[in-house]
Amino acid sequence: MLKRFINIKLHGLRVTKSNLEYEGSLGVDMDILEKAGLHPGELILVANINNGHRFYTYLIAEPKQSGTVSLNGAAARLGEVNDRLIVMSEVLLTPQEIDHYEMKVLKFDPKNSVI
């Protein structure tokens, strides 16, 4: 039997822009995605630290070295610029894999640089 675990956690990303009229998802600076091992189109769970909203969406790439984190489409209704987010990807593990599992965590400063 497979069990669901958090694979990668991005803690404290700050929303830098919001666009309700965009085809929805969460945009993240491609440099951050590469450091984390995440990919555009990947399904993620987002928790907004400021207002408590949790929602599933998918990732899109924002320009490298921009520090951009954008709420787009319907997700734009679930947060505001400067809100802090936790972004999590999931993985399915077998009982054997669980014994060697370790979640990857990246923490961010107010400018979306890795601490």
PDB file of N, CA and C in Angstrom:
ATOM      1  N   MET A   1       0.842  -1.180   0.000  1.00  0.00           N
ATOM      2  CA  MET A   1       0.000   0.000   0.000  1.00  0.00           C
ATOM      3  C   MET A   1       0.889   1.246   0.000  1.00  0.00           C
ATOM      4  N   LEU A   2       0.521   2.210  -0.824  1.00  0.00           N
ATOM      5  CA  LEU A   2       1.243   3.476  -0.883  1.00  0.00           C
ATOM      6  C   LEU A   2       0.634   4.469   0.100  1.00  0.00           C
ATOM      7  N   LYS A   3       1.501   5.300   0.677  1.00  0.00           N
ATOM      8  CA  LYS A   3       1.050   6.363   1.585  1.00  0.00           C
ATOM      9  C   LYS A   3       1.532   7.704   1.044  1.00  0.00           C
ATOM     10  N   ARG A   4       0.713   8.750   1.290  1.00  0.00           N
ATOM     11  CA  ARG A   4       1.042  10.099   0.816  1.00  0.00           C
ATOM     12  C   ARG A   4       1.871  10.839   1.855  1.00  0.00           C
ATOM     13  N   PHE A   5       2.950  11.452   1.385  1.00  0.00           N
ATOM     14  CA  PHE A   5       3.821  12.266   2.228  1.00  0.00           C
ATOM     15  C   PHE A   5       4.112  13.578   1.509  1.00  0.00           C
ATOM     16  N   ILE A   6       4.507  14.584   2.288  1.00  0.00           N
ATOM     17  CA  ILE A   6       5.009  15.817   1.691  1.00  0.00           C
ATOM     18  C   ILE A   6       6.444  15.551   1.265  1.00  0.00           C
ATOM     19  N   ASN A   7       6.721  15.829   0.004  1.00  0.00           N
ATOM     20  CA  ASN A   7       8.044  15.594  -0.562  1.00  0.00           C
ATOM     21  C   ASN A   7       8.925  16.831  -0.430  1.00  0.00           C
ATOM     22  N   ILE A   8       8.372  17.969  -0.842  1.00  0.00           N
ATOM     23  CA  ILE A   8       9.120  19.231  -0.842  1.00  0.00           C
ATOM     24  C   ILE A   8       8.231  20.304  -0.225  1.00  0.00           C
ATOM     25  N   LYS A   9       8.811  21.107   0.666  1.00  0.00           N
ATOM     26  CA  LYS A   9       8.070  22.195   1.320  1.00  0.00           C
ATOM     27  C   LYS A   9       8.848  23.490   1.128  1.00  0.00           C
ATOM     28  N   LEU A  10       8.173  24.494   0.568  1.00  0.00           N
ATOM     29  CA  LEU A  10       8.729  25.844   0.436  1.00  0.00           C
ATOM     30  C   LEU A  10       8.020  26.692   1.482  1.00  0.00           C
ATOM     31  N   HIS A  11       8.754  27.124   2.505  1.00  0.00           N
ATOM     32  CA  HIS A  11       8.140  27.794   3.653  1.00  0.00           C
ATOM     33  C   HIS A  11       8.432  29.291   3.635  1.00  0.00           C
ATOM     34  N   GLY A  12       7.374  30.095   3.614  1.00  0.00           N
ATOM     35  CA  GLY A  12       7.523  31.536   3.761  1.00  0.00           C
ATOM     36  C   GLY A  12       7.672  32.313   2.475  1.00  0.00           C
ATOM     37  N   LEU A  13       7.308  31.722   1.330  1.00  0.00           N
ATOM     38  CA  LEU A  13       7.313  32.509   0.093  1.00  0.00           C
ATOM     39  C   LEU A  13       6.317  33.651   0.229  1.00  0.00           C
ATOM     40  N   ARG A  14       6.669  34.819  -0.301  1.00  0.00           N
ATOM     41  CA  ARG A  14       5.771  35.981  -0.245  1.00  0.00           C
ATOM     42  C   ARG A  14       5.176  36.252  -1.614  1.00  0.00           C
ATOM     43  N   VAL A  15       3.874  36.482  -1.634  1.00  0.00           N
ATOM     44  CA  VAL A  15       3.187  36.818  -2.874  1.00  0.00           C
ATOM     45  C   VAL A  15       3.654  38.198  -3.322  1.00  0.00           C
ATOM     46  N   THR A  16       4.101  38.292  -4.579  1.00  0.00           N
ATOM     47  CA  THR A  16       4.574  39.570  -5.116  1.00  0.00           C
ATOM     48  C   THR A  16       3.591  40.188  -6.099  1.00  0.00           C
ATOM     49  N   LYS A  17       2.696  39.363  -6.655  1.00  0.00           N
ATOM     50  CA  LYS A  17       1.676  39.907  -7.551  1.00  0.00           C
ATOM     51  C   LYS A  17       0.501  38.950  -7.641  1.00  0.00           C
ATOM     52  N   SER A  18      -0.610  39.492  -8.142  1.00  0.00           N
ATOM     53  CA  SER A  18      -1.851  38.735  -8.229  1.00  0.00           C
ATOM     54  C   SER A  18      -2.570  39.153  -9.504  1.00  0.00           C
ATOM     55  N   ASN A  19      -3.147  38.171 -10.222  1.00  0.00           N
ATOM     56  CA  ASN A  19      -3.835  38.478 -11.470  1.00  0.00           C
ATOM     57  C   ASN A  19      -5.050  37.568 -11.616  1.00  0.00           C
ATOM     58  N   LEU A  20      -6.204  38.092 -11.282  1.00  0.00           N
ATOM     59  CA  LEU A  20      -7.446  37.326 -11.342  1.00  0.00           C
ATOM     60  C   LEU A  20      -7.772  36.881 -12.765  1.00  0.00           C
ATOM     61  N   GLU A  21      -7.432  37.671 -13.757  1.00  0.00           N
ATOM     62  CA  GLU A  21      -7.810  37.390 -15.149  1.00  0.00           C
ATOM     63  C   GLU A  21      -6.832  36.478 -15.879  1.00  0.00           C
ATOM     64  N   TYR A  22      -5.887  35.885 -15.162  1.00  0.00           N
ATOM     65  CA  TYR A  22      -4.911  34.989 -15.774  1.00  0.00           C
ATOM     66  C   TYR A  22      -5.418  33.557 -15.680  1.00  0.00           C
ATOM     67  N   GLU A  23      -4.991  32.700 -16.608  1.00  0.00           N
ATOM     68  CA  GLU A  23      -5.318  31.273 -16.502  1.00  0.00           C
ATOM     69  C   GLU A  23      -4.647  30.747 -15.248  1.00  0.00           C
ATOM     70  N   GLY A  24      -5.429  30.319 -14.297  1.00  0.00           N
ATOM     71  CA  GLY A  24      -5.034  30.083 -12.920  1.00  0.00           C
ATOM     72  C   GLY A  24      -3.860  29.194 -12.631  1.00  0.00           C
ATOM     73  N   SER A  25      -3.256  29.449 -11.522  1.00  0.00           N
ATOM     74  CA  SER A  25      -2.206  28.638 -10.911  1.00  0.00           C
ATOM     75  C   SER A  25      -1.317  29.517 -10.054  1.00  0.00           C
ATOM     76  N   LEU A  26      -0.252  28.911  -9.533  1.00  0.00           N
ATOM     77  CA  LEU A  26       0.718  29.650  -8.732  1.00  0.00           C
ATOM     78  C   LEU A  26       1.995  29.795  -9.543  1.00  0.00           C
ATOM     79  N   GLY A  27       2.397  31.019  -9.787  1.00  0.00           N
ATOM     80  CA  GLY A  27       3.651  31.282 -10.485  1.00  0.00           C
ATOM     81  C   GLY A  27       4.777  31.434  -9.483  1.00  0.00           C
ATOM     82  N   VAL A  28       5.917  30.792  -9.771  1.00  0.00           N
ATOM     83  CA  VAL A  28       7.087  30.865  -8.891  1.00  0.00           C
ATOM     84  C   VAL A  28       8.330  31.034  -9.759  1.00  0.00           C
ATOM     85  N   ASP A  29       9.224  31.920  -9.323  1.00  0.00           N
ATOM     86  CA  ASP A  29      10.516  32.139  -9.978  1.00  0.00           C
ATOM     87  C   ASP A  29      11.142  30.787 -10.337  1.00  0.00           C
ATOM     88  N   MET A  30      11.534  30.614 -11.605  1.00  0.00           N
ATOM     89  CA  MET A  30      12.080  29.342 -12.077  1.00  0.00           C
ATOM     90  C   MET A  30      13.334  28.936 -11.315  1.00  0.00           C
ATOM     91  N   ASP A  31      14.123  29.891 -10.846  1.00  0.00           N
ATOM     92  CA  ASP A  31      15.301  29.549 -10.031  1.00  0.00           C
ATOM     93  C   ASP A  31      14.883  28.816  -8.755  1.00  0.00           C
ATOM     94  N   ILE A  32      13.801  29.274  -8.129  1.00  0.00           N
ATOM     95  CA  ILE A  32      13.302  28.622  -6.912  1.00  0.00           C
ATOM     96  C   ILE A  32      12.824  27.211  -7.246  1.00  0.00           C
ATOM     97  N   LEU A  33      12.083  27.075  -8.347  1.00  0.00           N
ATOM     98  CA  LEU A  33      11.601  25.748  -8.742  1.00  0.00           C
ATOM     99  C   LEU A  33      12.766  24.786  -8.954  1.00  0.00           C
ATOM    100  N   GLU A  34      13.810  25.250  -9.635  1.00  0.00           N
ATOM    101  CA  GLU A  34      14.966  24.388  -9.900  1.00  0.00           C
ATOM    102  C   GLU A  34      15.678  23.993  -8.611  1.00  0.00           C
ATOM    103  N   LYS A  35      15.864  24.948  -7.692  1.00  0.00           N
ATOM    104  CA  LYS A  35      16.518  24.631  -6.407  1.00  0.00           C
ATOM    105  C   LYS A  35      15.724  23.595  -5.618  1.00  0.00           C
ATOM    106  N   ALA A  36      14.412  23.671  -5.726  1.00  0.00           N
ATOM    107  CA  ALA A  36      13.548  22.767  -4.966  1.00  0.00           C
ATOM    108  C   ALA A  36      13.351  21.415  -5.651  1.00  0.00           C
ATOM    109  N   GLY A  37      13.605  21.365  -6.950  1.00  0.00           N
ATOM    110  CA  GLY A  37      13.329  20.139  -7.690  1.00  0.00           C
ATOM    111  C   GLY A  37      11.869  20.033  -8.108  1.00  0.00           C
ATOM    112  N   LEU A  38      11.218  21.180  -8.271  1.00  0.00           N
ATOM    113  CA  LEU A  38       9.821  21.232  -8.702  1.00  0.00           C
ATOM    114  C   LEU A  38       9.752  21.597 -10.181  1.00  0.00           C
ATOM    115  N   HIS A  39       8.583  21.342 -10.795  1.00  0.00           N
ATOM    116  CA  HIS A  39       8.447  21.539 -12.235  1.00  0.00           C
ATOM    117  C   HIS A  39       7.143  22.251 -12.580  1.00  0.00           C
ATOM    118  N   PRO A  40       7.165  23.095 -13.630  1.00  0.00           N
ATOM    119  CA  PRO A  40       5.917  23.689 -14.101  1.00  0.00           C
ATOM    120  C   PRO A  40       4.900  22.587 -14.409  1.00  0.00           C
ATOM    121  N   GLY A  41       3.666  22.823 -14.013  1.00  0.00           N
ATOM    122  CA  GLY A  41       2.602  21.851 -14.210  1.00  0.00           C
ATOM    123  C   GLY A  41       2.420  20.886 -13.054  1.00  0.00           C
ATOM    124  N   GLU A  42       3.373  20.878 -12.116  1.00  0.00           N
ATOM    125  CA  GLU A  42       3.291  19.953 -10.978  1.00  0.00           C
ATOM    126  C   GLU A  42       2.167  20.373 -10.028  1.00  0.00           C
ATOM    127  N   LEU A  43       1.403  19.386  -9.568  1.00  0.00           N
ATOM    128  CA  LEU A  43       0.323  19.630  -8.611  1.00  0.00           C
ATOM    129  C   LEU A  43       0.914  19.949  -7.243  1.00  0.00           C
ATOM    130  N   ILE A  44       0.391  21.000  -6.608  1.00  0.00           N
ATOM    131  CA  ILE A  44       0.889  21.422  -5.297  1.00  0.00           C
ATOM    132  C   ILE A  44      -0.276  21.754  -4.371  1.00  0.00           C
ATOM    133  N   LEU A  45       0.013  21.702  -3.081  1.00  0.00           N
ATOM    134  CA  LEU A  45      -0.897  22.180  -2.046  1.00  0.00           C
ATOM    135  C   LEU A  45      -0.303  23.476  -1.515  1.00  0.00           C
ATOM    136  N   VAL A  46      -1.119  24.518  -1.445  1.00  0.00           N
ATOM    137  CA  VAL A  46      -0.670  25.824  -0.963  1.00  0.00           C
ATOM    138  C   VAL A  46      -1.423  26.156   0.318  1.00  0.00           C
ATOM    139  N   ALA A  47      -0.698  26.603   1.341  1.00  0.00           N
ATOM    140  CA  ALA A  47      -1.296  27.086   2.583  1.00  0.00           C
ATOM    141  C   ALA A  47      -0.913  28.554   2.736  1.00  0.00           C
ATOM    142  N   ASN A  48      -1.905  29.412   2.879  1.00  0.00           N
ATOM    143  CA  ASN A  48      -1.664  30.836   3.077  1.00  0.00           C
ATOM    144  C   ASN A  48      -1.553  31.079   4.583  1.00  0.00           C
ATOM    145  N   ILE A  49      -0.365  31.456   5.039  1.00  0.00           N
ATOM    146  CA  ILE A  49      -0.110  31.670   6.466  1.00  0.00           C
ATOM    147  C   ILE A  49      -0.957  32.826   7.000  1.00  0.00           C
ATOM    148  N   ASN A  50      -1.186  33.849   6.179  1.00  0.00           N
ATOM    149  CA  ASN A  50      -1.892  35.038   6.639  1.00  0.00           C
ATOM    150  C   ASN A  50      -3.385  34.823   6.881  1.00  0.00           C
ATOM    151  N   ASN A  51      -4.039  34.051   6.012  1.00  0.00           N
ATOM    152  CA  ASN A  51      -5.494  33.926   6.146  1.00  0.00           C
ATOM    153  C   ASN A  51      -5.989  32.494   6.368  1.00  0.00           C
ATOM    154  N   GLY A  52      -5.091  31.528   6.337  1.00  0.00           N
ATOM    155  CA  GLY A  52      -5.467  30.153   6.620  1.00  0.00           C
ATOM    156  C   GLY A  52      -6.019  29.359   5.451  1.00  0.00           C
ATOM    157  N   HIS A  53      -6.216  29.989   4.300  1.00  0.00           N
ATOM    158  CA  HIS A  53      -6.718  29.248   3.139  1.00  0.00           C
ATOM    159  C   HIS A  53      -5.722  28.184   2.704  1.00  0.00           C
ATOM    160  N   ARG A  54      -6.250  27.020   2.347  1.00  0.00           N
ATOM    161  CA  ARG A  54      -5.456  25.943   1.746  1.00  0.00           C
ATOM    162  C   ARG A  54      -6.124  25.577   0.430  1.00  0.00           C
ATOM    163  N   PHE A  55      -5.304  25.360  -0.608  1.00  0.00           N
ATOM    164  CA  PHE A  55      -5.873  25.003  -1.909  1.00  0.00           C
ATOM    165  C   PHE A  55      -4.850  24.258  -2.759  1.00  0.00           C
ATOM    166  N   TYR A  56      -5.381  23.412  -3.631  1.00  0.00           N
ATOM    167  CA  TYR A  56      -4.548  22.725  -4.614  1.00  0.00           C
ATOM    168  C   TYR A  56      -4.536  23.529  -5.900  1.00  0.00           C
ATOM    169  N   THR A  57      -3.394  23.574  -6.540  1.00  0.00           N
ATOM    170  CA  THR A  57      -3.259  24.186  -7.855  1.00  0.00           C
ATOM    171  C   THR A  57      -2.025  23.572  -8.504  1.00  0.00           C
ATOM    172  N   TYR A  58      -1.540  24.191  -9.551  1.00  0.00           N
ATOM    173  CA  TYR A  58      -0.337  23.697 -10.222  1.00  0.00           C
ATOM    174  C   TYR A  58       0.643  24.846 -10.397  1.00  0.00           C
ATOM    175  N   LEU A  59       1.893  24.497 -10.640  1.00  0.00           N
ATOM    176  CA  LEU A  59       2.953  25.492 -10.761  1.00  0.00           C
ATOM    177  C   LEU A  59       3.115  25.984 -12.195  1.00  0.00           C
ATOM    178  N   ILE A  60       3.427  27.267 -12.325  1.00  0.00           N
ATOM    179  CA  ILE A  60       3.912  27.817 -13.589  1.00  0.00           C
ATOM    180  C   ILE A  60       5.214  28.542 -13.294  1.00  0.00           C
ATOM    181  N   ALA A  61       6.056  28.654 -14.308  1.00  0.00           N
ATOM    182  CA  ALA A  61       7.363  29.290 -14.138  1.00  0.00           C
ATOM    183  C   ALA A  61       7.252  30.795 -14.324  1.00  0.00           C
ATOM    184  N   GLU A  62       7.793  31.532 -13.375  1.00  0.00           N
ATOM    185  CA  GLU A  62       7.993  32.974 -13.512  1.00  0.00           C
ATOM    186  C   GLU A  62       9.456  33.177 -13.914  1.00  0.00           C
ATOM    187  N   PRO A  63       9.811  34.347 -14.447  1.00  0.00           N
ATOM    188  CA  PRO A  63      11.187  34.568 -14.908  1.00  0.00           C
ATOM    189  C   PRO A  63      12.231  34.316 -13.818  1.00  0.00           C
ATOM    190  N   LYS A  64      13.365  33.764 -14.260  1.00  0.00           N
ATOM    191  CA  LYS A  64      14.488  33.505 -13.350  1.00  0.00           C
ATOM    192  C   LYS A  64      14.985  34.806 -12.731  1.00  0.00           C
ATOM    193  N   GLN A  65      15.438  34.713 -11.503  1.00  0.00           N
ATOM    194  CA  GLN A  65      16.029  35.814 -10.735  1.00  0.00           C
ATOM    195  C   GLN A  65      15.067  36.978 -10.512  1.00  0.00           C
ATOM    196  N   SER A  66      13.761  36.721 -10.656  1.00  0.00           N
ATOM    197  CA  SER A  66      12.776  37.790 -10.465  1.00  0.00           C
ATOM    198  C   SER A  66      12.248  37.826  -9.036  1.00  0.00           C
ATOM    199  N   GLY A  67      12.330  36.698  -8.329  1.00  0.00           N
ATOM    200  CA  GLY A  67      11.745  36.607  -6.994  1.00  0.00           C
ATOM    201  C   GLY A  67      10.227  36.589  -7.007  1.00  0.00           C
ATOM    202  N   THR A  68       9.651  36.455  -8.190  1.00  0.00           N
ATOM    203  CA  THR A  68       8.202  36.539  -8.337  1.00  0.00           C
ATOM    204  C   THR A  68       7.488  35.298  -7.811  1.00  0.00           C
ATOM    205  N   VAL A  69       6.432  35.545  -7.041  1.00  0.00           N
ATOM    206  CA  VAL A  69       5.478  34.521  -6.622  1.00  0.00           C
ATOM    207  C   VAL A  69       4.106  35.134  -6.890  1.00  0.00           C
ATOM    208  N   SER A  70       3.360  34.531  -7.816  1.00  0.00           N
ATOM    209  CA  SER A  70       2.104  35.142  -8.246  1.00  0.00           C
ATOM    210  C   SER A  70       0.913  34.223  -8.044  1.00  0.00           C
ATOM    211  N   LEU A  71      -0.166  34.804  -7.533  1.00  0.00           N
ATOM    212  CA  LEU A  71      -1.450  34.112  -7.438  1.00  0.00           C
ATOM    213  C   LEU A  71      -2.246  34.485  -8.680  1.00  0.00           C
ATOM    214  N   ASN A  72      -2.678  33.476  -9.437  1.00  0.00           N
ATOM    215  CA  ASN A  72      -3.330  33.727 -10.718  1.00  0.00           C
ATOM    216  C   ASN A  72      -4.671  33.026 -10.811  1.00  0.00           C
ATOM    217  N   GLY A  73      -5.579  33.608 -11.599  1.00  0.00           N
ATOM    218  CA  GLY A  73      -6.897  33.023 -11.790  1.00  0.00           C
ATOM    219  C   GLY A  73      -7.643  32.950 -10.471  1.00  0.00           C
ATOM    220  N   ALA A  74      -8.358  31.858 -10.254  1.00  0.00           N
ATOM    221  CA  ALA A  74      -9.156  31.697  -9.032  1.00  0.00           C
ATOM    222  C   ALA A  74      -8.309  31.795  -7.772  1.00  0.00           C
ATOM    223  N   ALA A  75      -7.046  31.364  -7.848  1.00  0.00           N
ATOM    224  CA  ALA A  75      -6.155  31.431  -6.676  1.00  0.00           C
ATOM    225  C   ALA A  75      -5.927  32.870  -6.222  1.00  0.00           C
ATOM    226  N   ALA A  76      -6.104  33.834  -7.131  1.00  0.00           N
ATOM    227  CA  ALA A  76      -5.918  35.243  -6.768  1.00  0.00           C
ATOM    228  C   ALA A  76      -6.926  35.693  -5.713  1.00  0.00           C
ATOM    229  N   ARG A  77      -8.040  34.987  -5.589  1.00  0.00           N
ATOM    230  CA  ARG A  77      -9.048  35.312  -4.571  1.00  0.00           C
ATOM    231  C   ARG A  77      -8.658  34.796  -3.185  1.00  0.00           C
ATOM    232  N   LEU A  78      -7.594  33.988  -3.112  1.00  0.00           N
ATOM    233  CA  LEU A  78      -7.241  33.318  -1.857  1.00  0.00           C
ATOM    234  C   LEU A  78      -6.042  33.931  -1.154  1.00  0.00           C
ATOM    235  N   GLY A  79      -5.601  35.087  -1.630  1.00  0.00           N
ATOM    236  CA  GLY A  79      -4.482  35.758  -0.983  1.00  0.00           C
ATOM    237  C   GLY A  79      -4.261  37.138  -1.562  1.00  0.00           C
ATOM    238  N   GLU A  80      -3.326  37.855  -0.949  1.00  0.00           N
ATOM    239  CA  GLU A  80      -2.992  39.217  -1.359  1.00  0.00           C
ATOM    240  C   GLU A  80      -1.484  39.358  -1.463  1.00  0.00           C
ATOM    241  N   VAL A  81      -1.061  40.394  -2.155  1.00  0.00           N
ATOM    242  CA  VAL A  81       0.368  40.708  -2.227  1.00  0.00           C
ATOM    243  C   VAL A  81       0.905  40.848  -0.803  1.00  0.00           C
ATOM    244  N   ASN A  82       2.061  40.287  -0.557  1.00  0.00           N
ATOM    245  CA  ASN A  82       2.781  40.235   0.729  1.00  0.00           C
ATOM    246  C   ASN A  82       2.323  39.112   1.652  1.00  0.00           C
ATOM    247  N   ASP A  83       1.270  38.374   1.296  1.00  0.00           N
ATOM    248  CA  ASP A  83       0.911  37.201   2.096  1.00  0.00           C
ATOM    249  C   ASP A  83       2.041  36.179   2.030  1.00  0.00           C
ATOM    250  N   ARG A  84       2.231  35.461   3.138  1.00  0.00           N
ATOM    251  CA  ARG A  84       3.247  34.404   3.204  1.00  0.00           C
ATOM    252  C   ARG A  84       2.588  33.062   2.918  1.00  0.00           C
ATOM    253  N   LEU A  85       3.262  32.251   2.102  1.00  0.00           N
ATOM    254  CA  LEU A  85       2.726  30.965   1.683  1.00  0.00           C
ATOM    255  C   LEU A  85       3.640  29.814   2.073  1.00  0.00           C
ATOM    256  N   ILE A  86       3.021  28.656   2.250  1.00  0.00           N
ATOM    257  CA  ILE A  86       3.738  27.387   2.328  1.00  0.00           C
ATOM    258  C   ILE A  86       3.284  26.596   1.106  1.00  0.00           C
ATOM    259  N   VAL A  87       4.239  26.173   0.297  1.00  0.00           N
ATOM    260  CA  VAL A  87       3.947  25.406  -0.915  1.00  0.00           C
ATOM    261  C   VAL A  87       4.487  24.000  -0.712  1.00  0.00           C
ATOM    262  N   MET A  88       3.635  23.001  -0.947  1.00  0.00           N
ATOM    263  CA  MET A  88       4.025  21.609  -0.685  1.00  0.00           C
ATOM    264  C   MET A  88       3.720  20.728  -1.887  1.00  0.00           C
ATOM    265  N   SER A  89       4.675  19.867  -2.228  1.00  0.00           N
ATOM    266  CA  SER A  89       4.420  18.830  -3.226  1.00  0.00           C
ATOM    267  C   SER A  89       4.311  17.499  -2.500  1.00  0.00           C
ATOM    268  N   GLU A  90       3.597  16.583  -3.103  1.00  0.00           N
ATOM    269  CA  GLU A  90       3.358  15.286  -2.473  1.00  0.00           C
ATOM    270  C   GLU A  90       4.100  14.182  -3.213  1.00  0.00           C
ATOM    271  N   VAL A  91       4.304  13.076  -2.505  1.00  0.00           N
ATOM    272  CA  VAL A  91       4.917  11.885  -3.087  1.00  0.00           C
ATOM    273  C   VAL A  91       4.218  10.668  -2.494  1.00  0.00           C
ATOM    274  N   LEU A  92       4.111   9.608  -3.271  1.00  0.00           N
ATOM    275  CA  LEU A  92       3.569   8.342  -2.788  1.00  0.00           C
ATOM    276  C   LEU A  92       4.733   7.414  -2.483  1.00  0.00           C
ATOM    277  N   LEU A  93       4.751   6.851  -1.279  1.00  0.00           N
ATOM    278  CA  LEU A  93       5.853   5.994  -0.848  1.00  0.00           C
ATOM    279  C   LEU A  93       5.349   4.612  -0.462  1.00  0.00           C
ATOM    280  N   THR A  94       6.176   3.619  -0.749  1.00  0.00           N
ATOM    281  CA  THR A  94       5.913   2.259  -0.282  1.00  0.00           C
ATOM    282  C   THR A  94       6.376   2.158   1.165  1.00  0.00           C
ATOM    283  N   PRO A  95       5.946   1.144   1.910  1.00  0.00           N
ATOM    284  CA  PRO A  95       6.425   0.984   3.286  1.00  0.00           C
ATOM    285  C   PRO A  95       7.956   0.924   3.374  1.00  0.00           C
ATOM    286  N   GLN A  96       8.596   0.324   2.393  1.00  0.00           N
ATOM    287  CA  GLN A  96      10.060   0.242   2.396  1.00  0.00           C
ATOM    288  C   GLN A  96      10.700   1.624   2.195  1.00  0.00           C
ATOM    289  N   GLU A  97      10.097   2.450   1.357  1.00  0.00           N
ATOM    290  CA  GLU A  97      10.641   3.783   1.097  1.00  0.00           C
ATOM    291  C   GLU A  97      10.463   4.714   2.292  1.00  0.00           C
ATOM    292  N   ILE A  98       9.422   4.504   3.075  1.00  0.00           N
ATOM    293  CA  ILE A  98       9.144   5.367   4.226  1.00  0.00           C
ATOM    294  C   ILE A  98      10.310   5.374   5.210  1.00  0.00           C
ATOM    295  N   ASP A  99      10.952   4.240   5.383  1.00  0.00           N
ATOM    296  CA  ASP A  99      12.076   4.137   6.328  1.00  0.00           C
ATOM    297  C   ASP A  99      13.241   5.050   5.968  1.00  0.00           C
ATOM    298  N   HIS A 100      13.372   5.399   4.678  1.00  0.00           N
ATOM    299  CA  HIS A 100      14.502   6.218   4.216  1.00  0.00           C
ATOM    300  C   HIS A 100      14.062   7.604   3.741  1.00  0.00           C
ATOM    301  N   TYR A 101      12.803   7.911   3.979  1.00  0.00           N
ATOM    302  CA  TYR A 101      12.216   9.159   3.497  1.00  0.00           C
ATOM    303  C   TYR A 101      12.708  10.356   4.309  1.00  0.00           C
ATOM    304  N   GLU A 102      12.977  11.459   3.616  1.00  0.00           N
ATOM    305  CA  GLU A 102      13.296  12.722   4.279  1.00  0.00           C
ATOM    306  C   GLU A 102      12.715  13.861   3.451  1.00  0.00           C
ATOM    307  N   MET A 103      11.877  14.667   4.074  1.00  0.00           N
ATOM    308  CA  MET A 103      11.270  15.798   3.393  1.00  0.00           C
ATOM    309  C   MET A 103      12.320  16.876   3.143  1.00  0.00           C
ATOM    310  N   LYS A 104      12.273  17.487   1.946  1.00  0.00           N
ATOM    311  CA  LYS A 104      13.154  18.602   1.613  1.00  0.00           C
ATOM    312  C   LYS A 104      12.417  19.895   1.961  1.00  0.00           C
ATOM    313  N   VAL A 105      13.059  20.769   2.748  1.00  0.00           N
ATOM    314  CA  VAL A 105      12.448  22.032   3.167  1.00  0.00           C
ATOM    315  C   VAL A 105      13.362  23.186   2.772  1.00  0.00           C
ATOM    316  N   LEU A 106      12.789  24.173   2.085  1.00  0.00           N
ATOM    317  CA  LEU A 106      13.491  25.419   1.787  1.00  0.00           C
ATOM    318  C   LEU A 106      12.732  26.546   2.473  1.00  0.00           C
ATOM    319  N   LYS A 107      13.456  27.429   3.174  1.00  0.00           N
ATOM    320  CA  LYS A 107      12.846  28.579   3.849  1.00  0.00           C
ATOM    321  C   LYS A 107      13.274  29.847   3.126  1.00  0.00           C
ATOM    322  N   PHE A 108      12.398  30.864   3.184  1.00  0.00           N
ATOM    323  CA  PHE A 108      12.608  32.071   2.396  1.00  0.00           C
ATOM    324  C   PHE A 108      12.534  33.338   3.234  1.00  0.00           C
ATOM    325  N   ASP A 109      13.336  34.335   2.833  1.00  0.00           N
ATOM    326  CA  ASP A 109      13.297  35.648   3.475  1.00  0.00           C
ATOM    327  C   ASP A 109      12.207  36.491   2.801  1.00  0.00           C
ATOM    328  N   PRO A 110      11.985  37.734   3.258  1.00  0.00           N
ATOM    329  CA  PRO A 110      10.908  38.557   2.687  1.00  0.00           C
ATOM    330  C   PRO A 110      11.060  38.883   1.196  1.00  0.00           C
ATOM    331  N   LYS A 111      12.268  38.685   0.627  1.00  0.00           N
ATOM    332  CA  LYS A 111      12.465  38.948  -0.806  1.00  0.00           C
ATOM    333  C   LYS A 111      12.453  37.660  -1.631  1.00  0.00           C
ATOM    334  N   ASN A 112      11.997  36.580  -1.027  1.00  0.00           N
ATOM    335  CA  ASN A 112      11.915  35.269  -1.677  1.00  0.00           C
ATOM    336  C   ASN A 112      13.274  34.689  -2.045  1.00  0.00           C
ATOM    337  N   SER A 113      14.280  35.015  -1.246  1.00  0.00           N
ATOM    338  CA  SER A 113      15.591  34.379  -1.381  1.00  0.00           C
ATOM    339  C   SER A 113      15.667  33.242  -0.375  1.00  0.00           C
ATOM    340  N   VAL A 114      16.312  32.144  -0.782  1.00  0.00           N
ATOM    341  CA  VAL A 114      16.465  30.998   0.117  1.00  0.00           C
ATOM    342  C   VAL A 114      17.347  31.403   1.285  1.00  0.00           C
ATOM    343  N   ILE A 115      16.907  31.063   2.496  1.00  0.00           N
ATOM    344  CA  ILE A 115      17.689  31.363   3.704  1.00  0.00           C
ATOM    345  C   ILE A 115      18.695  30.246   3.911  1.00  0.00           C
TER     346      ILE A 115
END
